[in-house]
Amino acid sequence: DNAGRTHLLFGIDMIATLHQPEDMSTLFAHELFHVYHRQIMGGSVPKNDSITWWAMWEEGLATYVSQRMNRPRDEQGALWFPKDIVVQMDKPGVMAAAAKQMLADFDTTAHNALWFQIGKSAPGFPERAGYLMGLRMAEQLGKDHSLSWLAHLKPDDVKARARAFLEEQADKH
């Protein structure tokens, strides 16, 4: 932040390493949505924005928006990597197990890297599994609500809906 202005920097070397040319529209939509989302949320963003429930929402919503803006891009195309994250998470019982573990981490930042960073993962789950969990939550809410409504959802509402989503997923077998 410089004189009240936020700056977005893209590391072109990492982009070139991690992405293909066809990823660019979803990548930029995802990252620019984060800027937009922060602007409209203003000071209501949780003070510790790495808390599991908020990070799941923030990353999942940005992924959902970028996918919607780049139709017919599918979930895997919007998530990028790992290259088989959707296949891994759709194996029987994996979403339920991830939801149970994310509920255990719900109000903490202690395991944030395991759910959201490249090169790390919660035991038994692919890297960035939190992105897919958040994407699925946004997809579910997006069935009945506009992108604008989703973007303006306040943290208290997000927290309640995130808990309900994870509890619902945890109960599936």
N, C-alpha and C. Protein backbone atom coordinates (compact mmCIF):
# COMPACT_ATOMS: atom_id res chain seq x y z
N ASP A 1 0.86 -1.17 0.00
CA ASP A 1 0.00 0.00 0.00
C ASP A 1 0.91 1.23 0.00
N ASN A 2 0.70 2.10 -0.96
CA ASN A 2 1.50 3.30 -1.09
C ASN A 2 0.54 4.47 -1.24
N ALA A 3 0.45 5.30 -0.21
CA ALA A 3 -0.46 6.46 -0.22
C ALA A 3 -1.91 6.01 -0.46
N GLY A 4 -2.30 4.89 0.17
CA GLY A 4 -3.67 4.42 0.04
C GLY A 4 -3.98 3.68 -1.23
N ARG A 5 -2.98 3.42 -2.04
CA ARG A 5 -3.20 2.72 -3.31
C ARG A 5 -2.65 1.30 -3.21
N THR A 6 -3.42 0.36 -3.69
CA THR A 6 -3.00 -1.03 -3.71
C THR A 6 -2.36 -1.34 -5.05
N HIS A 7 -1.31 -2.14 -5.01
CA HIS A 7 -0.62 -2.52 -6.24
C HIS A 7 -0.69 -4.03 -6.41
N LEU A 8 -0.85 -4.47 -7.63
CA LEU A 8 -0.87 -5.89 -7.95
C LEU A 8 0.33 -6.16 -8.82
N LEU A 9 1.17 -7.07 -8.37
CA LEU A 9 2.37 -7.42 -9.11
C LEU A 9 2.25 -8.86 -9.60
N PHE A 10 2.58 -9.09 -10.86
CA PHE A 10 2.58 -10.42 -11.43
C PHE A 10 4.02 -10.86 -11.64
N GLY A 11 4.37 -12.02 -11.09
CA GLY A 11 5.71 -12.56 -11.29
C GLY A 11 5.75 -13.35 -12.58
N ILE A 12 6.18 -12.70 -13.63
CA ILE A 12 6.13 -13.29 -14.97
C ILE A 12 6.93 -14.58 -15.06
N ASP A 13 8.02 -14.68 -14.28
CA ASP A 13 8.81 -15.91 -14.32
C ASP A 13 8.01 -17.10 -13.79
N MET A 14 7.27 -16.91 -12.70
CA MET A 14 6.44 -17.99 -12.15
C MET A 14 5.25 -18.27 -13.05
N ILE A 15 4.68 -17.24 -13.63
CA ILE A 15 3.56 -17.44 -14.55
C ILE A 15 4.01 -18.30 -15.71
N ALA A 16 5.17 -18.00 -16.26
CA ALA A 16 5.70 -18.78 -17.39
C ALA A 16 6.01 -20.21 -16.99
N THR A 17 6.44 -20.41 -15.75
CA THR A 17 6.76 -21.75 -15.27
C THR A 17 5.51 -22.58 -15.00
N LEU A 18 4.50 -21.96 -14.43
CA LEU A 18 3.33 -22.70 -13.96
C LEU A 18 2.15 -22.74 -14.91
N HIS A 19 2.10 -21.83 -15.88
CA HIS A 19 0.90 -21.71 -16.70
C HIS A 19 1.19 -21.83 -18.19
N GLN A 20 0.15 -22.21 -18.89
CA GLN A 20 0.16 -22.27 -20.35
C GLN A 20 -0.53 -21.01 -20.89
N PRO A 21 -0.30 -20.68 -22.15
CA PRO A 21 -0.96 -19.48 -22.71
C PRO A 21 -2.48 -19.50 -22.55
N GLU A 22 -3.09 -20.67 -22.65
CA GLU A 22 -4.55 -20.75 -22.53
C GLU A 22 -5.04 -20.47 -21.10
N ASP A 23 -4.13 -20.44 -20.14
CA ASP A 23 -4.50 -20.14 -18.75
C ASP A 23 -4.62 -18.64 -18.48
N MET A 24 -4.08 -17.82 -19.35
CA MET A 24 -3.93 -16.39 -19.03
C MET A 24 -5.25 -15.70 -18.71
N SER A 25 -6.30 -15.97 -19.46
CA SER A 25 -7.56 -15.25 -19.21
C SER A 25 -8.13 -15.62 -17.84
N THR A 26 -8.05 -16.90 -17.45
CA THR A 26 -8.56 -17.26 -16.13
C THR A 26 -7.63 -16.78 -15.02
N LEU A 27 -6.34 -16.81 -15.26
CA LEU A 27 -5.38 -16.32 -14.26
C LEU A 27 -5.60 -14.84 -13.96
N PHE A 28 -5.67 -14.03 -15.01
CA PHE A 28 -5.85 -12.60 -14.79
C PHE A 28 -7.22 -12.28 -14.20
N ALA A 29 -8.26 -12.98 -14.65
CA ALA A 29 -9.59 -12.76 -14.07
C ALA A 29 -9.58 -13.11 -12.58
N HIS A 30 -8.94 -14.21 -12.23
CA HIS A 30 -8.85 -14.63 -10.83
C HIS A 30 -8.15 -13.56 -9.98
N GLU A 31 -6.99 -13.14 -10.41
CA GLU A 31 -6.21 -12.19 -9.61
C GLU A 31 -6.86 -10.80 -9.57
N LEU A 32 -7.41 -10.36 -10.69
CA LEU A 32 -8.07 -9.06 -10.69
C LEU A 32 -9.36 -9.08 -9.87
N PHE A 33 -10.02 -10.24 -9.84
CA PHE A 33 -11.20 -10.34 -8.97
C PHE A 33 -10.81 -10.15 -7.50
N HIS A 34 -9.65 -10.69 -7.11
CA HIS A 34 -9.20 -10.48 -5.73
C HIS A 34 -9.11 -8.98 -5.40
N VAL A 35 -8.59 -8.20 -6.33
CA VAL A 35 -8.48 -6.75 -6.13
C VAL A 35 -9.87 -6.14 -5.98
N TYR A 36 -10.75 -6.46 -6.91
CA TYR A 36 -12.12 -5.97 -6.87
C TYR A 36 -12.80 -6.36 -5.56
N HIS A 37 -12.67 -7.63 -5.18
CA HIS A 37 -13.32 -8.14 -3.98
C HIS A 37 -12.84 -7.39 -2.74
N ARG A 38 -11.55 -7.14 -2.66
CA ARG A 38 -11.01 -6.39 -1.52
C ARG A 38 -11.56 -4.97 -1.50
N GLN A 39 -11.71 -4.37 -2.67
CA GLN A 39 -12.24 -3.00 -2.73
C GLN A 39 -13.67 -2.94 -2.22
N ILE A 40 -14.51 -3.85 -2.68
CA ILE A 40 -15.92 -3.78 -2.27
C ILE A 40 -16.12 -4.26 -0.84
N MET A 41 -15.23 -5.11 -0.32
CA MET A 41 -15.35 -5.57 1.06
C MET A 41 -14.85 -4.51 2.03
N GLY A 42 -13.94 -3.67 1.57
CA GLY A 42 -13.43 -2.60 2.42
C GLY A 42 -12.86 -3.15 3.71
N GLY A 43 -13.21 -2.52 4.80
CA GLY A 43 -12.70 -2.92 6.10
C GLY A 43 -13.38 -4.12 6.71
N SER A 44 -14.33 -4.72 6.00
CA SER A 44 -15.03 -5.86 6.59
C SER A 44 -14.30 -7.20 6.41
N VAL A 45 -13.21 -7.21 5.65
CA VAL A 45 -12.43 -8.44 5.50
C VAL A 45 -11.89 -8.82 6.87
N PRO A 46 -11.96 -10.10 7.24
CA PRO A 46 -11.42 -10.50 8.54
C PRO A 46 -9.99 -10.03 8.73
N LYS A 47 -9.69 -9.58 9.95
CA LYS A 47 -8.36 -9.05 10.24
C LYS A 47 -7.28 -10.06 9.87
N ASN A 48 -7.50 -11.32 10.19
CA ASN A 48 -6.58 -12.36 9.78
C ASN A 48 -7.21 -13.09 8.60
N ASP A 49 -6.89 -12.64 7.40
CA ASP A 49 -7.54 -13.18 6.21
C ASP A 49 -7.01 -14.54 5.78
N SER A 50 -6.09 -15.11 6.53
CA SER A 50 -5.59 -16.46 6.25
C SER A 50 -6.35 -17.52 7.04
N ILE A 51 -7.34 -17.11 7.82
CA ILE A 51 -8.13 -18.07 8.56
C ILE A 51 -8.82 -19.00 7.55
N THR A 52 -8.88 -20.27 7.86
CA THR A 52 -9.28 -21.28 6.87
C THR A 52 -10.59 -20.97 6.18
N TRP A 53 -11.64 -20.65 6.93
CA TRP A 53 -12.95 -20.43 6.31
C TRP A 53 -12.93 -19.26 5.34
N TRP A 54 -12.22 -18.18 5.66
CA TRP A 54 -12.18 -17.02 4.77
C TRP A 54 -11.29 -17.30 3.56
N ALA A 55 -10.15 -17.93 3.76
CA ALA A 55 -9.26 -18.26 2.65
C ALA A 55 -9.96 -19.18 1.65
N MET A 56 -10.73 -20.14 2.18
CA MET A 56 -11.49 -21.05 1.30
C MET A 56 -12.46 -20.25 0.44
N TRP A 57 -13.17 -19.30 1.06
CA TRP A 57 -14.13 -18.49 0.33
C TRP A 57 -13.44 -17.58 -0.69
N GLU A 58 -12.42 -16.89 -0.22
CA GLU A 58 -11.74 -15.91 -1.08
C GLU A 58 -11.16 -16.58 -2.33
N GLU A 59 -10.48 -17.70 -2.14
CA GLU A 59 -9.86 -18.38 -3.28
C GLU A 59 -10.90 -19.12 -4.12
N GLY A 60 -11.86 -19.73 -3.46
CA GLY A 60 -12.91 -20.44 -4.20
C GLY A 60 -13.76 -19.50 -5.02
N LEU A 61 -14.10 -18.34 -4.46
CA LEU A 61 -14.91 -17.37 -5.19
C LEU A 61 -14.14 -16.81 -6.37
N ALA A 62 -12.88 -16.48 -6.19
CA ALA A 62 -12.08 -15.96 -7.31
C ALA A 62 -11.95 -17.01 -8.42
N THR A 63 -11.84 -18.27 -8.04
CA THR A 63 -11.77 -19.35 -9.03
C THR A 63 -13.10 -19.49 -9.75
N TYR A 64 -14.19 -19.42 -9.02
CA TYR A 64 -15.52 -19.51 -9.60
C TYR A 64 -15.78 -18.37 -10.58
N VAL A 65 -15.47 -17.16 -10.17
CA VAL A 65 -15.67 -15.99 -11.03
C VAL A 65 -14.82 -16.12 -12.29
N SER A 66 -13.57 -16.52 -12.16
CA SER A 66 -12.71 -16.64 -13.34
C SER A 66 -13.20 -17.73 -14.28
N GLN A 67 -13.74 -18.80 -13.71
CA GLN A 67 -14.31 -19.86 -14.55
C GLN A 67 -15.55 -19.37 -15.29
N ARG A 68 -16.43 -18.68 -14.58
CA ARG A 68 -17.65 -18.16 -15.19
C ARG A 68 -17.34 -17.14 -16.28
N MET A 69 -16.30 -16.34 -16.08
CA MET A 69 -15.93 -15.33 -17.07
C MET A 69 -15.25 -15.94 -18.29
N ASN A 70 -14.84 -17.19 -18.19
CA ASN A 70 -14.08 -17.84 -19.26
C ASN A 70 -14.73 -19.15 -19.68
N ARG A 71 -16.04 -19.13 -19.78
CA ARG A 71 -16.76 -20.32 -20.24
C ARG A 71 -16.31 -20.67 -21.64
N PRO A 72 -16.15 -21.91 -21.98
CA PRO A 72 -16.58 -23.12 -21.28
C PRO A 72 -15.50 -23.75 -20.41
N ARG A 73 -14.62 -22.97 -19.85
CA ARG A 73 -13.55 -23.49 -18.98
C ARG A 73 -14.18 -24.33 -17.87
N ASP A 74 -13.64 -25.54 -17.65
CA ASP A 74 -14.16 -26.40 -16.60
C ASP A 74 -13.43 -26.15 -15.28
N GLU A 75 -13.80 -26.89 -14.25
CA GLU A 75 -13.18 -26.70 -12.94
C GLU A 75 -11.66 -26.87 -13.01
N GLN A 76 -11.21 -27.95 -13.63
CA GLN A 76 -9.77 -28.21 -13.71
C GLN A 76 -9.07 -27.07 -14.44
N GLY A 77 -9.67 -26.57 -15.50
CA GLY A 77 -9.08 -25.47 -16.25
C GLY A 77 -8.99 -24.19 -15.46
N ALA A 78 -9.91 -24.00 -14.51
CA ALA A 78 -9.88 -22.80 -13.67
C ALA A 78 -8.95 -22.97 -12.47
N LEU A 79 -8.71 -24.21 -12.07
CA LEU A 79 -7.84 -24.48 -10.92
C LEU A 79 -6.38 -24.64 -11.32
N TRP A 80 -6.13 -25.04 -12.53
CA TRP A 80 -4.79 -25.21 -13.13
C TRP A 80 -4.00 -26.37 -12.58
N PHE A 81 -3.64 -26.35 -11.33
CA PHE A 81 -2.77 -27.39 -10.79
C PHE A 81 -3.13 -27.68 -9.34
N PRO A 82 -2.82 -28.87 -8.89
CA PRO A 82 -2.24 -29.94 -9.70
C PRO A 82 -3.16 -30.33 -10.85
N LYS A 83 -2.56 -30.89 -11.85
CA LYS A 83 -3.27 -31.19 -13.11
C LYS A 83 -4.44 -32.15 -12.93
N ASP A 84 -4.46 -32.87 -11.82
CA ASP A 84 -5.54 -33.83 -11.57
C ASP A 84 -6.28 -33.56 -10.26
N ILE A 85 -6.30 -32.31 -9.82
CA ILE A 85 -6.93 -31.99 -8.54
C ILE A 85 -8.40 -32.38 -8.51
N VAL A 86 -9.13 -32.16 -9.59
CA VAL A 86 -10.55 -32.49 -9.61
C VAL A 86 -10.74 -34.00 -9.53
N VAL A 87 -9.96 -34.76 -10.31
CA VAL A 87 -10.04 -36.22 -10.28
C VAL A 87 -9.71 -36.75 -8.88
N GLN A 88 -8.65 -36.21 -8.27
CA GLN A 88 -8.26 -36.65 -6.92
C GLN A 88 -9.35 -36.36 -5.89
N MET A 89 -9.89 -35.15 -5.94
CA MET A 89 -10.88 -34.76 -4.95
C MET A 89 -12.23 -35.43 -5.17
N ASP A 90 -12.51 -35.88 -6.40
CA ASP A 90 -13.77 -36.55 -6.69
C ASP A 90 -13.75 -38.05 -6.41
N LYS A 91 -12.63 -38.57 -5.96
CA LYS A 91 -12.58 -39.99 -5.57
C LYS A 91 -13.50 -40.18 -4.37
N PRO A 92 -14.11 -41.36 -4.27
CA PRO A 92 -15.06 -41.61 -3.16
C PRO A 92 -14.46 -41.27 -1.79
N GLY A 93 -15.19 -40.47 -1.05
CA GLY A 93 -14.83 -40.14 0.32
C GLY A 93 -13.83 -39.01 0.51
N VAL A 94 -13.19 -38.55 -0.57
CA VAL A 94 -12.14 -37.55 -0.42
C VAL A 94 -12.72 -36.18 -0.04
N MET A 95 -13.78 -35.76 -0.71
CA MET A 95 -14.41 -34.47 -0.36
C MET A 95 -14.89 -34.48 1.09
N ALA A 96 -15.50 -35.58 1.51
CA ALA A 96 -16.01 -35.68 2.88
C ALA A 96 -14.85 -35.62 3.88
N ALA A 97 -13.77 -36.33 3.59
CA ALA A 97 -12.61 -36.31 4.48
C ALA A 97 -11.98 -34.92 4.53
N ALA A 98 -11.88 -34.27 3.38
CA ALA A 98 -11.32 -32.91 3.34
C ALA A 98 -12.21 -31.95 4.13
N ALA A 99 -13.52 -32.09 3.98
CA ALA A 99 -14.44 -31.22 4.71
C ALA A 99 -14.28 -31.41 6.22
N LYS A 100 -14.14 -32.64 6.67
CA LYS A 100 -13.95 -32.90 8.10
C LYS A 100 -12.66 -32.25 8.59
N GLN A 101 -11.59 -32.37 7.82
CA GLN A 101 -10.32 -31.79 8.23
C GLN A 101 -10.38 -30.26 8.19
N MET A 102 -11.04 -29.71 7.17
CA MET A 102 -11.17 -28.26 7.10
C MET A 102 -12.03 -27.73 8.26
N LEU A 103 -13.03 -28.49 8.68
CA LEU A 103 -13.81 -28.09 9.85
C LEU A 103 -12.93 -28.06 11.09
N ALA A 104 -12.01 -29.01 11.20
CA ALA A 104 -11.08 -29.02 12.34
C ALA A 104 -10.16 -27.80 12.29
N ASP A 105 -9.86 -27.32 11.09
CA ASP A 105 -8.99 -26.15 10.89
C ASP A 105 -9.76 -24.85 10.73
N PHE A 106 -11.07 -24.90 10.83
CA PHE A 106 -11.98 -23.83 10.44
C PHE A 106 -11.59 -22.45 10.96
N ASP A 107 -11.33 -22.34 12.24
CA ASP A 107 -11.06 -21.04 12.87
C ASP A 107 -9.59 -20.80 13.16
N THR A 108 -8.73 -21.41 12.38
CA THR A 108 -7.30 -21.26 12.62
C THR A 108 -6.57 -20.92 11.32
N THR A 109 -5.38 -20.41 11.48
CA THR A 109 -4.50 -20.17 10.32
C THR A 109 -3.35 -21.16 10.30
N ALA A 110 -3.30 -22.03 11.30
CA ALA A 110 -2.15 -22.91 11.50
C ALA A 110 -1.84 -23.80 10.30
N HIS A 111 -2.87 -24.23 9.57
CA HIS A 111 -2.66 -25.14 8.45
C HIS A 111 -2.99 -24.52 7.10
N ASN A 112 -3.05 -23.21 7.05
CA ASN A 112 -3.40 -22.51 5.81
C ASN A 112 -2.57 -22.98 4.63
N ALA A 113 -1.26 -23.08 4.80
CA ALA A 113 -0.37 -23.48 3.70
C ALA A 113 -0.73 -24.86 3.17
N LEU A 114 -1.19 -25.75 4.04
CA LEU A 114 -1.53 -27.11 3.62
C LEU A 114 -2.74 -27.15 2.69
N TRP A 115 -3.61 -26.17 2.82
CA TRP A 115 -4.83 -26.12 1.99
C TRP A 115 -4.69 -25.23 0.76
N PHE A 116 -3.77 -24.26 0.81
CA PHE A 116 -3.80 -23.23 -0.24
C PHE A 116 -2.48 -22.97 -0.96
N GLN A 117 -1.39 -23.56 -0.55
CA GLN A 117 -0.11 -23.24 -1.19
C GLN A 117 0.39 -24.38 -2.08
N ILE A 118 1.07 -23.96 -3.12
CA ILE A 118 1.73 -24.91 -4.01
C ILE A 118 2.89 -25.53 -3.24
N GLY A 119 3.09 -26.82 -3.42
CA GLY A 119 4.22 -27.50 -2.80
C GLY A 119 3.93 -28.03 -1.41
N LYS A 120 2.71 -27.80 -0.92
CA LYS A 120 2.32 -28.31 0.40
C LYS A 120 0.93 -28.90 0.27
N SER A 121 0.62 -29.83 1.15
CA SER A 121 -0.74 -30.37 1.14
C SER A 121 -1.06 -31.01 2.48
N ALA A 122 -2.33 -30.98 2.81
CA ALA A 122 -2.79 -31.69 4.00
C ALA A 122 -2.65 -33.19 3.70
N PRO A 123 -2.26 -33.99 4.68
CA PRO A 123 -2.06 -35.42 4.44
C PRO A 123 -3.28 -36.08 3.80
N GLY A 124 -3.04 -36.77 2.70
CA GLY A 124 -4.10 -37.49 2.00
C GLY A 124 -4.84 -36.66 0.96
N PHE A 125 -4.46 -35.40 0.78
CA PHE A 125 -5.16 -34.53 -0.16
C PHE A 125 -4.17 -33.90 -1.13
N PRO A 126 -4.65 -33.52 -2.32
CA PRO A 126 -3.75 -32.85 -3.26
C PRO A 126 -3.42 -31.43 -2.79
N GLU A 127 -2.37 -30.88 -3.35
CA GLU A 127 -2.04 -29.47 -3.10
C GLU A 127 -3.25 -28.61 -3.47
N ARG A 128 -3.44 -27.54 -2.75
CA ARG A 128 -4.46 -26.54 -3.04
C ARG A 128 -5.90 -27.08 -2.96
N ALA A 129 -6.09 -28.13 -2.15
CA ALA A 129 -7.43 -28.70 -2.01
C ALA A 129 -8.44 -27.67 -1.51
N GLY A 130 -7.97 -26.70 -0.74
CA GLY A 130 -8.86 -25.65 -0.25
C GLY A 130 -9.48 -24.82 -1.36
N TYR A 131 -8.75 -24.66 -2.46
CA TYR A 131 -9.29 -23.94 -3.61
C TYR A 131 -10.51 -24.69 -4.16
N LEU A 132 -10.38 -26.00 -4.32
CA LEU A 132 -11.50 -26.77 -4.87
C LEU A 132 -12.68 -26.75 -3.90
N MET A 133 -12.41 -26.86 -2.61
CA MET A 133 -13.51 -26.82 -1.64
C MET A 133 -14.25 -25.48 -1.74
N GLY A 134 -13.49 -24.39 -1.83
CA GLY A 134 -14.11 -23.08 -1.97
C GLY A 134 -14.85 -22.91 -3.28
N LEU A 135 -14.28 -23.45 -4.35
CA LEU A 135 -14.94 -23.40 -5.66
C LEU A 135 -16.28 -24.12 -5.59
N ARG A 136 -16.30 -25.29 -4.98
CA ARG A 136 -17.55 -26.04 -4.89
C ARG A 136 -18.59 -25.30 -4.04
N MET A 137 -18.14 -24.63 -3.00
CA MET A 137 -19.06 -23.82 -2.19
C MET A 137 -19.64 -22.68 -3.04
N ALA A 138 -18.78 -21.99 -3.78
CA ALA A 138 -19.24 -20.88 -4.63
C ALA A 138 -20.17 -21.40 -5.72
N GLU A 139 -19.86 -22.56 -6.30
CA GLU A 139 -20.74 -23.14 -7.32
C GLU A 139 -22.12 -23.42 -6.74
N GLN A 140 -22.15 -23.98 -5.55
CA GLN A 140 -23.42 -24.29 -4.90
C GLN A 140 -24.23 -23.01 -4.66
N LEU A 141 -23.60 -21.99 -4.12
CA LEU A 141 -24.30 -20.73 -3.87
C LEU A 141 -24.66 -20.02 -5.18
N GLY A 142 -23.83 -20.18 -6.19
CA GLY A 142 -24.05 -19.54 -7.48
C GLY A 142 -25.25 -20.08 -8.24
N LYS A 143 -25.76 -21.22 -7.83
CA LYS A 143 -26.97 -21.77 -8.47
C LYS A 143 -28.17 -20.87 -8.23
N ASP A 144 -28.19 -20.20 -7.07
CA ASP A 144 -29.35 -19.38 -6.68
C ASP A 144 -29.05 -17.89 -6.55
N HIS A 145 -27.77 -17.50 -6.75
CA HIS A 145 -27.39 -16.12 -6.52
C HIS A 145 -26.46 -15.62 -7.62
N SER A 146 -26.51 -14.32 -7.85
CA SER A 146 -25.66 -13.69 -8.88
C SER A 146 -24.22 -13.56 -8.39
N LEU A 147 -23.32 -13.31 -9.33
CA LEU A 147 -21.93 -13.07 -8.98
C LEU A 147 -21.80 -11.85 -8.07
N SER A 148 -22.58 -10.83 -8.34
CA SER A 148 -22.55 -9.63 -7.51
C SER A 148 -22.96 -9.94 -6.07
N TRP A 149 -24.01 -10.74 -5.91
CA TRP A 149 -24.46 -11.13 -4.57
C TRP A 149 -23.35 -11.88 -3.85
N LEU A 150 -22.73 -12.82 -4.54
CA LEU A 150 -21.64 -13.60 -3.94
C LEU A 150 -20.49 -12.69 -3.52
N ALA A 151 -20.12 -11.76 -4.38
CA ALA A 151 -18.99 -10.87 -4.10
C ALA A 151 -19.26 -9.97 -2.90
N HIS A 152 -20.52 -9.63 -2.66
CA HIS A 152 -20.88 -8.72 -1.57
C HIS A 152 -21.24 -9.44 -0.27
N LEU A 153 -21.15 -10.75 -0.26
CA LEU A 153 -21.48 -11.52 0.94
C LEU A 153 -20.53 -11.14 2.08
N LYS A 154 -21.09 -10.74 3.19
CA LYS A 154 -20.32 -10.27 4.34
C LYS A 154 -19.67 -11.45 5.08
N PRO A 155 -18.54 -11.19 5.73
CA PRO A 155 -17.81 -12.26 6.41
C PRO A 155 -18.63 -13.10 7.38
N ASP A 156 -19.51 -12.50 8.16
CA ASP A 156 -20.33 -13.30 9.09
C ASP A 156 -21.20 -14.29 8.33
N ASP A 157 -21.77 -13.85 7.20
CA ASP A 157 -22.57 -14.74 6.37
C ASP A 157 -21.70 -15.80 5.71
N VAL A 158 -20.52 -15.39 5.25
CA VAL A 158 -19.59 -16.35 4.64
C VAL A 158 -19.24 -17.43 5.65
N LYS A 159 -18.91 -17.03 6.86
CA LYS A 159 -18.51 -18.00 7.89
C LYS A 159 -19.61 -19.02 8.15
N ALA A 160 -20.83 -18.54 8.30
CA ALA A 160 -21.95 -19.46 8.55
C ALA A 160 -22.19 -20.39 7.36
N ARG A 161 -22.12 -19.84 6.17
CA ARG A 161 -22.34 -20.65 4.97
C ARG A 161 -21.19 -21.62 4.73
N ALA A 162 -19.97 -21.20 5.03
CA ALA A 162 -18.81 -22.08 4.88
C ALA A 162 -18.93 -23.26 5.84
N ARG A 163 -19.30 -22.98 7.08
CA ARG A 163 -19.46 -24.06 8.05
C ARG A 163 -20.56 -25.03 7.58
N ALA A 164 -21.69 -24.49 7.14
CA ALA A 164 -22.80 -25.33 6.67
C ALA A 164 -22.38 -26.16 5.46
N PHE A 165 -21.65 -25.56 4.53
CA PHE A 165 -21.18 -26.28 3.35
C PHE A 165 -20.26 -27.43 3.75
N LEU A 166 -19.28 -27.15 4.61
CA LEU A 166 -18.34 -28.18 5.01
C LEU A 166 -19.03 -29.28 5.81
N GLU A 167 -19.98 -28.93 6.66
CA GLU A 167 -20.74 -29.94 7.42
C GLU A 167 -21.54 -30.83 6.48
N GLU A 168 -22.14 -30.22 5.47
CA GLU A 168 -22.90 -30.99 4.48
C GLU A 168 -21.98 -31.95 3.73
N GLN A 169 -20.82 -31.46 3.31
CA GLN A 169 -19.87 -32.31 2.59
C GLN A 169 -19.33 -33.42 3.50
N ALA A 170 -19.08 -33.11 4.76
CA ALA A 170 -18.54 -34.10 5.70
C ALA A 170 -19.51 -35.24 5.93
N ASP A 171 -20.80 -34.95 5.80
CA ASP A 171 -21.83 -35.98 6.02
C ASP A 171 -22.04 -36.89 4.82
N LYS A 172 -21.46 -36.54 3.69
CA LYS A 172 -21.60 -37.38 2.49
C LYS A 172 -20.60 -38.53 2.55
N HIS A 173 -20.98 -39.65 2.04
CA HIS A 173 -20.08 -40.81 2.08
C HIS A 173 -19.62 -41.21 0.71
